[in-house]
């Protein structure tokens, strides 16, 4: 096991991921999401240890995900993918490990205009940047929150770029 896989599968990392997933899930408007979180939470310690064991023994498999549509504020609908609590915990642990250990991901996240999914940055940070730009007489902007943006990212290219930075076959295979 390489250092990335070891870090991602440590109990500390998995419990950190669980806390984030739990916090977000309990605020979800989705009944299925809240129910899944509450069920997992009944024996969270045992459940997280079970995930760790299956990861470290090479027996972990992502559970099937399913699609759903949710209403948008504008009246339309958008498609989302519903993942199990187990899947979300592992995905979050992978993300946290990349954000902490990958030079490539750190470089992307440290770009001054990166806000989505970046630790300690979010919508308020983005709005503050826009306010500052307008106050400094900049009156034009480019909208980058494009509908369906992530549907068109070449996944294999992204994974190849991460693999160049992350010399850990077990981690890259899981990712």
N, C-alpha and C. Protein backbone atom coordinates (compact mmCIF):
# COMPACT_ATOMS: atom_id res chain seq x y z
N UNK A 1 0.84 -1.20 0.00
CA UNK A 1 0.00 0.00 0.00
C UNK A 1 0.88 1.25 0.00
N UNK A 2 0.51 2.20 -0.83
CA UNK A 2 1.22 3.46 -0.88
C UNK A 2 0.67 4.43 0.15
N UNK A 3 1.34 5.58 0.25
CA UNK A 3 0.96 6.55 1.29
C UNK A 3 -0.43 7.15 1.06
N UNK A 4 -0.84 7.30 -0.19
CA UNK A 4 -2.17 7.86 -0.46
C UNK A 4 -3.26 6.88 -0.04
N UNK A 5 -3.09 5.61 -0.44
CA UNK A 5 -4.09 4.60 -0.08
C UNK A 5 -4.14 4.42 1.43
N UNK A 6 -2.97 4.39 2.06
CA UNK A 6 -2.92 4.24 3.52
C UNK A 6 -3.66 5.39 4.19
N UNK A 7 -3.40 6.62 3.75
CA UNK A 7 -4.05 7.79 4.33
C UNK A 7 -5.56 7.75 4.11
N UNK A 8 -5.99 7.42 2.90
CA UNK A 8 -7.42 7.41 2.58
C UNK A 8 -8.18 6.35 3.37
N UNK A 9 -7.49 5.28 3.76
CA UNK A 9 -8.17 4.17 4.44
C UNK A 9 -7.91 4.15 5.94
N UNK A 10 -7.28 5.18 6.48
CA UNK A 10 -7.11 5.28 7.93
C UNK A 10 -8.46 5.55 8.57
N UNK A 11 -8.66 5.04 9.77
CA UNK A 11 -9.91 5.31 10.48
C UNK A 11 -10.13 6.80 10.65
N UNK A 12 -9.07 7.53 10.95
CA UNK A 12 -9.19 8.97 11.15
C UNK A 12 -9.76 9.64 9.90
N UNK A 13 -9.27 9.27 8.73
CA UNK A 13 -9.75 9.85 7.48
C UNK A 13 -11.18 9.43 7.19
N UNK A 14 -11.47 8.14 7.38
CA UNK A 14 -12.82 7.64 7.11
C UNK A 14 -13.84 8.25 8.06
N UNK A 15 -13.47 8.43 9.34
CA UNK A 15 -14.40 9.06 10.28
C UNK A 15 -14.59 10.55 9.96
N UNK A 16 -13.53 11.21 9.52
CA UNK A 16 -13.65 12.60 9.10
C UNK A 16 -14.62 12.70 7.92
N UNK A 17 -14.48 11.79 6.97
CA UNK A 17 -15.38 11.76 5.82
C UNK A 17 -16.81 11.49 6.28
N UNK A 18 -16.98 10.55 7.20
CA UNK A 18 -18.31 10.22 7.71
C UNK A 18 -18.96 11.44 8.37
N UNK A 19 -18.19 12.18 9.17
CA UNK A 19 -18.76 13.35 9.84
C UNK A 19 -19.28 14.37 8.82
N UNK A 20 -18.52 14.58 7.75
CA UNK A 20 -18.93 15.53 6.71
C UNK A 20 -20.18 15.01 5.97
N UNK A 21 -20.17 13.74 5.61
CA UNK A 21 -21.32 13.14 4.92
C UNK A 21 -22.55 13.18 5.83
N UNK A 22 -22.37 12.88 7.10
CA UNK A 22 -23.47 12.88 8.07
C UNK A 22 -24.06 14.29 8.19
N UNK A 23 -23.18 15.28 8.36
CA UNK A 23 -23.63 16.66 8.51
C UNK A 23 -24.45 17.11 7.30
N UNK A 24 -23.92 16.86 6.12
CA UNK A 24 -24.64 17.25 4.90
C UNK A 24 -25.92 16.45 4.73
N UNK A 25 -25.84 15.16 4.99
CA UNK A 25 -26.99 14.28 4.77
C UNK A 25 -28.17 14.56 5.67
N UNK A 26 -27.89 14.93 6.92
CA UNK A 26 -28.99 15.22 7.84
C UNK A 26 -29.73 16.49 7.46
N UNK A 27 -29.08 17.37 6.68
CA UNK A 27 -29.73 18.60 6.21
C UNK A 27 -30.41 18.42 4.85
N UNK A 28 -30.24 17.24 4.27
CA UNK A 28 -30.78 16.99 2.94
C UNK A 28 -32.30 17.04 2.93
N UNK A 29 -32.85 17.49 1.81
CA UNK A 29 -34.30 17.46 1.64
C UNK A 29 -34.77 16.10 1.15
N UNK A 30 -33.83 15.23 0.80
CA UNK A 30 -34.17 13.90 0.31
C UNK A 30 -34.44 12.95 1.47
N UNK A 31 -35.63 12.39 1.49
CA UNK A 31 -35.99 11.42 2.53
C UNK A 31 -35.04 10.23 2.50
N UNK A 32 -34.72 9.73 1.29
CA UNK A 32 -33.84 8.57 1.15
C UNK A 32 -32.46 8.86 1.72
N UNK A 33 -31.94 10.05 1.46
CA UNK A 33 -30.62 10.42 1.97
C UNK A 33 -30.63 10.47 3.49
N UNK A 34 -31.59 11.18 4.06
CA UNK A 34 -31.66 11.28 5.53
C UNK A 34 -31.84 9.92 6.18
N UNK A 35 -32.69 9.08 5.60
CA UNK A 35 -32.92 7.74 6.15
C UNK A 35 -31.64 6.91 6.10
N UNK A 36 -30.93 6.97 4.98
CA UNK A 36 -29.66 6.24 4.85
C UNK A 36 -28.64 6.69 5.88
N UNK A 37 -28.55 8.00 6.09
CA UNK A 37 -27.62 8.55 7.09
C UNK A 37 -28.01 8.08 8.48
N UNK A 38 -29.28 8.18 8.81
CA UNK A 38 -29.74 7.77 10.15
C UNK A 38 -29.50 6.29 10.40
N UNK A 39 -29.72 5.46 9.39
CA UNK A 39 -29.50 4.02 9.53
C UNK A 39 -28.01 3.73 9.75
N UNK A 40 -27.14 4.35 8.95
CA UNK A 40 -25.70 4.15 9.09
C UNK A 40 -25.23 4.62 10.46
N UNK A 41 -25.82 5.72 10.93
CA UNK A 41 -25.41 6.36 12.18
C UNK A 41 -25.72 5.49 13.41
N UNK A 42 -26.68 4.60 13.29
CA UNK A 42 -27.04 3.74 14.44
C UNK A 42 -25.86 2.90 14.91
N UNK A 43 -24.97 2.54 14.00
CA UNK A 43 -23.78 1.77 14.36
C UNK A 43 -22.59 2.29 13.55
N UNK A 44 -22.40 3.60 13.60
CA UNK A 44 -21.40 4.26 12.75
C UNK A 44 -20.00 3.71 12.96
N UNK A 45 -19.60 3.49 14.20
CA UNK A 45 -18.23 3.02 14.46
C UNK A 45 -18.00 1.68 13.77
N UNK A 46 -18.90 0.76 13.97
CA UNK A 46 -18.78 -0.56 13.34
C UNK A 46 -18.85 -0.45 11.82
N UNK A 47 -19.73 0.39 11.32
CA UNK A 47 -19.89 0.54 9.87
C UNK A 47 -18.64 1.13 9.22
N UNK A 48 -18.04 2.13 9.85
CA UNK A 48 -16.82 2.72 9.29
C UNK A 48 -15.68 1.71 9.34
N UNK A 49 -15.57 0.97 10.43
CA UNK A 49 -14.52 -0.06 10.53
C UNK A 49 -14.72 -1.14 9.47
N UNK A 50 -15.96 -1.47 9.17
CA UNK A 50 -16.26 -2.46 8.13
C UNK A 50 -15.80 -1.95 6.77
N UNK A 51 -16.05 -0.68 6.49
CA UNK A 51 -15.58 -0.08 5.24
C UNK A 51 -14.06 -0.16 5.17
N UNK A 52 -13.39 0.21 6.28
CA UNK A 52 -11.94 0.18 6.30
C UNK A 52 -11.42 -1.23 6.03
N UNK A 53 -12.00 -2.21 6.68
CA UNK A 53 -11.58 -3.61 6.50
C UNK A 53 -11.73 -4.04 5.04
N UNK A 54 -12.87 -3.72 4.45
CA UNK A 54 -13.09 -4.13 3.06
C UNK A 54 -12.14 -3.41 2.10
N UNK A 55 -11.82 -2.16 2.39
CA UNK A 55 -10.85 -1.43 1.57
C UNK A 55 -9.46 -2.06 1.67
N UNK A 56 -9.03 -2.30 2.89
CA UNK A 56 -7.67 -2.78 3.11
C UNK A 56 -7.46 -4.23 2.71
N UNK A 57 -8.52 -5.00 2.63
CA UNK A 57 -8.40 -6.40 2.18
C UNK A 57 -8.67 -6.53 0.68
N UNK A 58 -8.95 -5.41 0.01
CA UNK A 58 -9.19 -5.44 -1.42
C UNK A 58 -10.56 -5.96 -1.81
N UNK A 59 -11.47 -6.03 -0.85
CA UNK A 59 -12.81 -6.56 -1.12
C UNK A 59 -13.86 -5.47 -1.31
N UNK A 60 -13.47 -4.22 -1.16
CA UNK A 60 -14.44 -3.13 -1.28
C UNK A 60 -14.92 -3.02 -2.72
N UNK A 61 -16.21 -2.84 -2.87
CA UNK A 61 -16.81 -2.53 -4.17
C UNK A 61 -17.81 -1.41 -3.98
N UNK A 62 -17.76 -0.43 -4.87
CA UNK A 62 -18.76 0.63 -4.82
C UNK A 62 -20.12 0.02 -5.09
N UNK A 63 -21.10 0.43 -4.31
CA UNK A 63 -22.47 -0.05 -4.50
C UNK A 63 -23.09 0.65 -5.71
N UNK A 64 -24.07 0.01 -6.34
CA UNK A 64 -24.73 0.66 -7.48
C UNK A 64 -25.36 1.99 -7.08
N UNK A 65 -25.32 2.93 -8.01
CA UNK A 65 -25.93 4.24 -7.78
C UNK A 65 -27.14 4.35 -8.70
N UNK A 66 -28.01 5.27 -8.40
CA UNK A 66 -29.17 5.43 -9.27
C UNK A 66 -29.42 6.91 -9.53
N UNK A 67 -30.07 7.16 -10.65
CA UNK A 67 -30.37 8.53 -11.03
C UNK A 67 -31.74 8.97 -10.53
N UNK A 68 -31.86 10.25 -10.30
CA UNK A 68 -33.13 10.83 -9.87
C UNK A 68 -33.18 12.25 -10.42
N UNK A 69 -34.37 12.82 -10.46
CA UNK A 69 -34.50 14.22 -10.86
C UNK A 69 -35.03 15.02 -9.68
N UNK A 70 -34.54 16.23 -9.59
CA UNK A 70 -35.01 17.14 -8.55
C UNK A 70 -35.48 18.43 -9.22
N UNK A 71 -36.45 19.07 -8.60
CA UNK A 71 -36.98 20.32 -9.14
C UNK A 71 -35.98 21.45 -8.90
N UNK A 72 -35.82 22.28 -9.92
CA UNK A 72 -34.99 23.47 -9.80
C UNK A 72 -35.87 24.64 -9.40
N UNK A 73 -35.26 25.65 -8.83
CA UNK A 73 -36.00 26.86 -8.44
C UNK A 73 -36.70 27.51 -9.61
N UNK A 74 -36.13 27.34 -10.80
CA UNK A 74 -36.70 27.94 -12.01
C UNK A 74 -37.89 27.15 -12.54
N UNK A 75 -38.20 26.03 -11.90
CA UNK A 75 -39.34 25.23 -12.32
C UNK A 75 -38.96 24.00 -13.13
N UNK A 76 -37.76 23.97 -13.65
CA UNK A 76 -37.32 22.81 -14.42
C UNK A 76 -36.84 21.68 -13.50
N UNK A 77 -36.19 20.73 -14.11
CA UNK A 77 -35.64 19.61 -13.34
C UNK A 77 -34.18 19.43 -13.71
N UNK A 78 -33.44 18.85 -12.78
CA UNK A 78 -32.06 18.48 -13.09
C UNK A 78 -31.81 17.08 -12.57
N UNK A 79 -30.97 16.36 -13.29
CA UNK A 79 -30.65 15.00 -12.90
C UNK A 79 -29.53 14.97 -11.87
N UNK A 80 -29.64 14.07 -10.93
CA UNK A 80 -28.58 13.86 -9.95
C UNK A 80 -28.35 12.36 -9.80
N UNK A 81 -27.19 12.02 -9.27
CA UNK A 81 -26.87 10.62 -8.99
C UNK A 81 -26.94 10.42 -7.49
N UNK A 82 -27.68 9.41 -7.08
CA UNK A 82 -27.83 9.10 -5.66
C UNK A 82 -26.86 7.96 -5.32
N UNK A 83 -25.95 8.23 -4.40
CA UNK A 83 -24.96 7.24 -3.99
C UNK A 83 -25.25 6.79 -2.56
N UNK A 84 -24.85 5.58 -2.25
CA UNK A 84 -25.04 5.06 -0.89
C UNK A 84 -24.15 5.82 0.08
N UNK A 85 -24.46 5.72 1.35
CA UNK A 85 -23.64 6.36 2.39
C UNK A 85 -22.22 5.81 2.30
N UNK A 86 -22.09 4.50 2.15
CA UNK A 86 -20.76 3.88 2.05
C UNK A 86 -19.97 4.49 0.90
N UNK A 87 -20.58 4.59 -0.28
CA UNK A 87 -19.89 5.18 -1.43
C UNK A 87 -19.45 6.61 -1.13
N UNK A 88 -20.35 7.39 -0.54
CA UNK A 88 -20.03 8.79 -0.28
C UNK A 88 -18.89 8.93 0.73
N UNK A 89 -18.84 8.05 1.72
CA UNK A 89 -17.75 8.10 2.70
C UNK A 89 -16.42 7.83 2.01
N UNK A 90 -16.37 6.80 1.19
CA UNK A 90 -15.11 6.46 0.50
C UNK A 90 -14.73 7.57 -0.47
N UNK A 91 -15.69 8.09 -1.22
CA UNK A 91 -15.39 9.19 -2.15
C UNK A 91 -14.87 10.41 -1.41
N UNK A 92 -15.47 10.72 -0.27
CA UNK A 92 -15.03 11.87 0.53
C UNK A 92 -13.63 11.64 1.09
N UNK A 93 -13.34 10.42 1.52
CA UNK A 93 -12.00 10.10 2.03
C UNK A 93 -10.96 10.25 0.92
N UNK A 94 -11.30 9.84 -0.29
CA UNK A 94 -10.40 10.02 -1.43
C UNK A 94 -10.16 11.51 -1.69
N UNK A 95 -11.24 12.29 -1.68
CA UNK A 95 -11.13 13.73 -1.90
C UNK A 95 -10.26 14.39 -0.83
N UNK A 96 -10.53 14.09 0.43
CA UNK A 96 -9.75 14.70 1.52
C UNK A 96 -8.28 14.33 1.41
N UNK A 97 -7.99 13.09 1.01
CA UNK A 97 -6.61 12.66 0.86
C UNK A 97 -5.94 13.42 -0.28
N UNK A 98 -6.62 13.55 -1.40
CA UNK A 98 -6.05 14.31 -2.52
C UNK A 98 -5.82 15.76 -2.14
N UNK A 99 -6.78 16.37 -1.45
CA UNK A 99 -6.63 17.77 -1.07
C UNK A 99 -5.48 17.98 -0.10
N UNK A 100 -5.20 16.99 0.71
CA UNK A 100 -4.12 17.12 1.70
C UNK A 100 -2.76 16.75 1.13
N UNK A 101 -2.69 15.76 0.23
CA UNK A 101 -1.40 15.19 -0.15
C UNK A 101 -0.97 15.43 -1.60
N UNK A 102 -1.89 15.72 -2.51
CA UNK A 102 -1.54 15.84 -3.92
C UNK A 102 -1.08 17.26 -4.26
N UNK A 103 0.13 17.37 -4.78
CA UNK A 103 0.64 18.68 -5.19
C UNK A 103 -0.21 19.27 -6.32
N UNK A 104 -0.65 18.42 -7.23
CA UNK A 104 -1.48 18.86 -8.35
C UNK A 104 -2.81 19.44 -7.85
N UNK A 105 -3.48 18.73 -6.98
CA UNK A 105 -4.77 19.20 -6.45
C UNK A 105 -4.58 20.45 -5.61
N UNK A 106 -3.50 20.50 -4.82
CA UNK A 106 -3.23 21.71 -4.03
C UNK A 106 -3.03 22.91 -4.95
N UNK A 107 -2.34 22.71 -6.08
CA UNK A 107 -2.11 23.82 -7.02
C UNK A 107 -3.43 24.30 -7.61
N UNK A 108 -4.29 23.37 -7.98
CA UNK A 108 -5.60 23.74 -8.53
C UNK A 108 -6.41 24.49 -7.48
N UNK A 109 -6.44 23.95 -6.28
CA UNK A 109 -7.25 24.56 -5.21
C UNK A 109 -6.70 25.90 -4.73
N UNK A 110 -5.41 26.13 -4.91
CA UNK A 110 -4.83 27.38 -4.42
C UNK A 110 -4.99 28.53 -5.43
N UNK A 111 -5.49 28.23 -6.62
CA UNK A 111 -5.74 29.30 -7.59
C UNK A 111 -6.75 30.26 -6.97
N UNK A 112 -6.48 31.57 -7.04
CA UNK A 112 -7.33 32.53 -6.33
C UNK A 112 -8.81 32.49 -6.71
N UNK A 113 -9.12 32.07 -7.93
CA UNK A 113 -10.53 32.06 -8.33
C UNK A 113 -11.19 30.69 -8.20
N UNK A 114 -10.47 29.71 -7.66
CA UNK A 114 -11.09 28.40 -7.42
C UNK A 114 -11.92 28.46 -6.16
N UNK A 115 -13.20 28.12 -6.26
CA UNK A 115 -14.06 28.15 -5.08
C UNK A 115 -14.86 26.87 -4.90
N UNK A 116 -15.31 26.24 -5.96
CA UNK A 116 -16.17 25.06 -5.84
C UNK A 116 -15.43 23.85 -5.30
N UNK A 117 -15.87 23.34 -4.17
CA UNK A 117 -15.26 22.15 -3.59
C UNK A 117 -13.92 22.39 -2.93
N UNK A 118 -13.53 23.64 -2.81
CA UNK A 118 -12.24 23.98 -2.21
C UNK A 118 -12.44 24.24 -0.72
N UNK A 119 -11.62 23.60 0.12
CA UNK A 119 -11.78 23.82 1.57
C UNK A 119 -11.74 25.31 1.94
N UNK A 120 -12.62 25.70 2.81
CA UNK A 120 -12.72 27.07 3.32
C UNK A 120 -13.13 28.10 2.26
N UNK A 121 -13.66 27.63 1.14
CA UNK A 121 -14.18 28.54 0.12
C UNK A 121 -15.54 28.00 -0.33
N UNK A 122 -16.42 28.91 -0.63
CA UNK A 122 -17.76 28.49 -1.06
C UNK A 122 -18.45 29.66 -1.72
N UNK A 123 -19.75 29.61 -1.78
CA UNK A 123 -20.53 30.67 -2.42
C UNK A 123 -20.22 32.05 -1.83
N UNK A 124 -20.19 32.22 -0.49
CA UNK A 124 -19.88 33.55 0.05
C UNK A 124 -18.52 34.08 -0.43
N UNK A 125 -17.53 33.19 -0.54
CA UNK A 125 -16.21 33.60 -1.02
C UNK A 125 -16.31 34.08 -2.48
N UNK A 126 -17.04 33.34 -3.30
CA UNK A 126 -17.21 33.72 -4.70
C UNK A 126 -17.93 35.06 -4.82
N UNK A 127 -18.98 35.25 -4.02
CA UNK A 127 -19.72 36.52 -4.05
C UNK A 127 -18.84 37.68 -3.61
N UNK A 128 -17.99 37.44 -2.63
CA UNK A 128 -17.07 38.48 -2.17
C UNK A 128 -16.10 38.86 -3.30
N UNK A 129 -15.61 37.88 -4.05
CA UNK A 129 -14.72 38.17 -5.18
C UNK A 129 -15.44 39.02 -6.23
N UNK A 130 -16.69 38.70 -6.49
CA UNK A 130 -17.47 39.47 -7.47
C UNK A 130 -17.68 40.90 -6.98
N UNK A 131 -18.05 41.06 -5.71
CA UNK A 131 -18.23 42.40 -5.13
C UNK A 131 -16.95 43.22 -5.24
N UNK A 132 -15.82 42.60 -4.91
CA UNK A 132 -14.53 43.31 -4.97
C UNK A 132 -14.21 43.72 -6.40
N UNK A 133 -14.52 42.85 -7.36
CA UNK A 133 -14.26 43.17 -8.76
C UNK A 133 -15.10 44.36 -9.21
N UNK A 134 -16.38 44.37 -8.86
CA UNK A 134 -17.25 45.49 -9.24
C UNK A 134 -16.81 46.79 -8.57
N UNK A 135 -16.38 46.71 -7.32
CA UNK A 135 -15.90 47.91 -6.61
C UNK A 135 -14.64 48.48 -7.25
N UNK A 136 -13.87 47.62 -7.92
CA UNK A 136 -12.65 48.10 -8.57
C UNK A 136 -12.89 48.40 -10.05
N UNK A 137 -14.14 48.73 -10.37
CA UNK A 137 -14.56 49.17 -11.71
C UNK A 137 -14.50 48.08 -12.78
N UNK A 138 -14.40 46.84 -12.40
CA UNK A 138 -14.52 45.76 -13.39
C UNK A 138 -16.01 45.49 -13.55
N UNK A 139 -16.49 45.59 -14.78
CA UNK A 139 -17.94 45.51 -14.99
C UNK A 139 -18.37 44.31 -15.82
N UNK A 140 -17.44 43.46 -16.20
CA UNK A 140 -17.79 42.29 -16.98
C UNK A 140 -17.30 41.03 -16.27
N UNK A 141 -18.01 39.95 -16.51
CA UNK A 141 -17.60 38.70 -15.91
C UNK A 141 -17.95 37.55 -16.85
N UNK A 142 -17.34 36.42 -16.61
CA UNK A 142 -17.64 35.21 -17.37
C UNK A 142 -18.31 34.24 -16.42
N UNK A 143 -19.47 33.78 -16.79
CA UNK A 143 -20.18 32.81 -15.96
C UNK A 143 -19.54 31.45 -16.18
N UNK A 144 -19.14 30.80 -15.09
CA UNK A 144 -18.47 29.51 -15.25
C UNK A 144 -19.23 28.36 -14.61
N UNK A 145 -20.37 28.64 -14.01
CA UNK A 145 -21.18 27.57 -13.42
C UNK A 145 -22.13 27.07 -14.50
N UNK A 146 -21.56 26.38 -15.46
CA UNK A 146 -22.28 26.00 -16.66
C UNK A 146 -23.11 24.74 -16.41
N UNK A 147 -24.36 24.78 -16.83
CA UNK A 147 -25.25 23.62 -16.68
C UNK A 147 -24.64 22.41 -17.37
N UNK A 148 -24.57 21.31 -16.67
CA UNK A 148 -24.02 20.08 -17.24
C UNK A 148 -22.51 20.08 -17.40
N UNK A 149 -21.83 21.04 -16.77
CA UNK A 149 -20.38 21.18 -16.92
C UNK A 149 -19.64 19.87 -16.65
N UNK A 150 -19.96 19.24 -15.53
CA UNK A 150 -19.23 18.04 -15.14
C UNK A 150 -19.58 16.83 -15.99
N UNK A 151 -20.68 16.90 -16.73
CA UNK A 151 -21.05 15.81 -17.63
C UNK A 151 -20.07 15.68 -18.79
N UNK A 152 -19.34 16.75 -19.08
CA UNK A 152 -18.50 16.77 -20.27
C UNK A 152 -17.01 16.80 -19.98
N UNK A 153 -16.63 16.64 -18.75
CA UNK A 153 -15.20 16.58 -18.41
C UNK A 153 -14.69 15.20 -18.80
N UNK A 154 -13.58 15.15 -19.54
CA UNK A 154 -13.03 13.84 -19.92
C UNK A 154 -12.43 13.13 -18.69
N UNK A 155 -13.23 12.27 -18.09
CA UNK A 155 -12.87 11.60 -16.83
C UNK A 155 -11.51 10.91 -16.93
N UNK A 156 -11.27 10.21 -18.03
CA UNK A 156 -10.01 9.47 -18.17
C UNK A 156 -8.81 10.43 -18.16
N UNK A 157 -8.95 11.60 -18.77
CA UNK A 157 -7.86 12.58 -18.78
C UNK A 157 -7.58 13.10 -17.37
N UNK A 158 -8.64 13.34 -16.61
CA UNK A 158 -8.47 13.82 -15.24
C UNK A 158 -7.78 12.75 -14.40
N UNK A 159 -8.23 11.51 -14.52
CA UNK A 159 -7.62 10.42 -13.74
C UNK A 159 -6.16 10.21 -14.14
N UNK A 160 -5.85 10.33 -15.43
CA UNK A 160 -4.46 10.21 -15.88
C UNK A 160 -3.60 11.32 -15.27
N UNK A 161 -4.13 12.53 -15.24
CA UNK A 161 -3.36 13.66 -14.68
C UNK A 161 -3.12 13.46 -13.19
N UNK A 162 -4.12 12.98 -12.48
CA UNK A 162 -3.96 12.70 -11.05
C UNK A 162 -2.94 11.58 -10.86
N UNK A 163 -3.00 10.54 -11.68
CA UNK A 163 -2.07 9.41 -11.56
C UNK A 163 -0.62 9.85 -11.79
N UNK A 164 -0.41 10.88 -12.62
CA UNK A 164 0.94 11.41 -12.81
C UNK A 164 1.49 11.97 -11.51
N UNK A 165 0.62 12.51 -10.69
CA UNK A 165 1.01 13.14 -9.43
C UNK A 165 0.99 12.16 -8.26
N UNK A 166 0.12 11.15 -8.34
CA UNK A 166 -0.08 10.22 -7.24
C UNK A 166 0.51 8.87 -7.62
N UNK A 167 1.69 8.58 -7.10
CA UNK A 167 2.37 7.32 -7.39
C UNK A 167 1.92 6.27 -6.39
N UNK A 168 0.69 5.81 -6.56
CA UNK A 168 0.10 4.84 -5.63
C UNK A 168 -0.98 4.06 -6.39
N UNK A 169 -0.60 2.89 -6.88
CA UNK A 169 -1.51 2.10 -7.72
C UNK A 169 -2.82 1.76 -7.02
N UNK A 170 -2.75 1.38 -5.75
CA UNK A 170 -3.97 1.00 -5.02
C UNK A 170 -4.92 2.19 -4.92
N UNK A 171 -4.37 3.37 -4.64
CA UNK A 171 -5.20 4.58 -4.55
C UNK A 171 -5.82 4.91 -5.90
N UNK A 172 -4.98 4.91 -6.95
CA UNK A 172 -5.47 5.26 -8.28
C UNK A 172 -6.52 4.27 -8.77
N UNK A 173 -6.35 3.01 -8.45
CA UNK A 173 -7.33 2.00 -8.86
C UNK A 173 -8.66 2.25 -8.15
N UNK A 174 -8.62 2.57 -6.87
CA UNK A 174 -9.84 2.87 -6.13
C UNK A 174 -10.50 4.13 -6.66
N UNK A 175 -9.69 5.13 -6.96
CA UNK A 175 -10.21 6.39 -7.49
C UNK A 175 -10.89 6.17 -8.83
